[in-house]
């Protein structure tokens, strides 16, 4: 009888030399992407300063007057 319990615990074959560096680069790129998306979400969710809103309102009024 064959003991199948050890077969399911075996790790996959080790990657070839070129694949190891490529996989590491992919993981690093993925981590950078996750952090960039997190930073972008934080910036998008920040409130717009009142001073900037005032500048936009004045620009809109001036554009309406020029038309």
Protein backbone atom coordinates (compact mmCIF):
# COMPACT_ATOMS: atom_id res chain seq x y z
CA UNK A 1 0.00 0.00 0.00
CA UNK A 2 1.26 3.49 -0.84
CA UNK A 3 1.31 6.14 1.88
CA UNK A 4 -0.37 9.14 0.22
CA UNK A 5 -0.28 11.42 3.26
CA UNK A 6 3.32 12.49 2.57
CA UNK A 7 2.65 13.15 -1.10
CA UNK A 8 0.25 16.01 -0.40
CA UNK A 9 2.77 17.72 1.90
CA UNK A 10 5.59 17.82 -0.59
CA UNK A 11 6.63 21.26 -1.75
CA UNK A 12 6.53 21.97 -5.47
CA UNK A 13 9.67 21.56 -7.50
CA UNK A 14 12.14 24.39 -6.91
CA UNK A 15 12.10 27.06 -9.62
CA UNK A 16 14.89 27.20 -12.12
CA UNK A 17 17.57 29.85 -11.59
CA UNK A 18 16.02 32.40 -13.97
CA UNK A 19 12.51 31.85 -12.61
CA UNK A 20 13.53 32.64 -9.03
CA UNK A 21 14.66 36.17 -9.87
CA UNK A 22 11.62 36.74 -12.07
CA UNK A 23 9.24 35.62 -9.31
CA UNK A 24 10.99 37.87 -6.79
CA UNK A 25 10.68 40.82 -9.17
CA UNK A 26 6.97 40.11 -9.67
CA UNK A 27 6.37 39.96 -5.92
CA UNK A 28 8.27 43.20 -5.41
CA UNK A 29 6.31 44.91 -8.20
CA UNK A 30 3.04 43.66 -6.72
CA UNK A 31 3.96 45.01 -3.27
CA UNK A 32 4.82 48.40 -4.77
CA UNK A 33 1.50 48.45 -6.60
CA UNK A 34 -0.43 47.69 -3.42
CA UNK A 35 1.34 50.49 -1.54
CA UNK A 36 0.79 52.98 -4.38
CA UNK A 37 -2.93 52.18 -4.54
CA UNK A 38 -3.17 52.62 -0.77
CA UNK A 39 -1.42 56.01 -0.94
CA UNK A 40 -3.61 57.11 -3.86
CA UNK A 41 -6.77 56.15 -1.95
CA UNK A 42 -5.60 58.20 1.03
CA UNK A 43 -5.00 61.28 -1.14
CA UNK A 44 -8.34 60.93 -2.93
CA UNK A 45 -10.20 60.69 0.38
CA UNK A 46 -8.57 63.80 1.87
CA UNK A 47 -10.89 66.80 2.18
CA UNK A 48 -10.36 69.72 -0.19
CA UNK A 49 -9.03 72.77 1.72
CA UNK A 50 -11.46 75.68 2.01
CA UNK A 51 -8.92 78.08 0.48
CA UNK A 52 -8.73 75.96 -2.65
CA UNK A 53 -12.53 75.76 -2.89
CA UNK A 54 -12.67 79.57 -2.66
CA UNK A 55 -10.18 79.87 -5.52
CA UNK A 56 -12.28 77.51 -7.64
CA UNK A 57 -15.48 79.46 -6.86
CA UNK A 58 -13.84 82.75 -7.85
CA UNK A 59 -12.55 81.22 -11.07
CA UNK A 60 -16.04 79.91 -11.90
CA UNK A 61 -17.60 83.34 -11.28
CA UNK A 62 -14.98 85.00 -13.46
CA UNK A 63 -15.54 82.44 -16.24
CA UNK A 64 -19.30 83.04 -16.09
CA UNK A 65 -18.73 86.81 -16.34
CA UNK A 66 -16.40 86.42 -19.35
CA UNK A 67 -18.95 84.39 -21.34
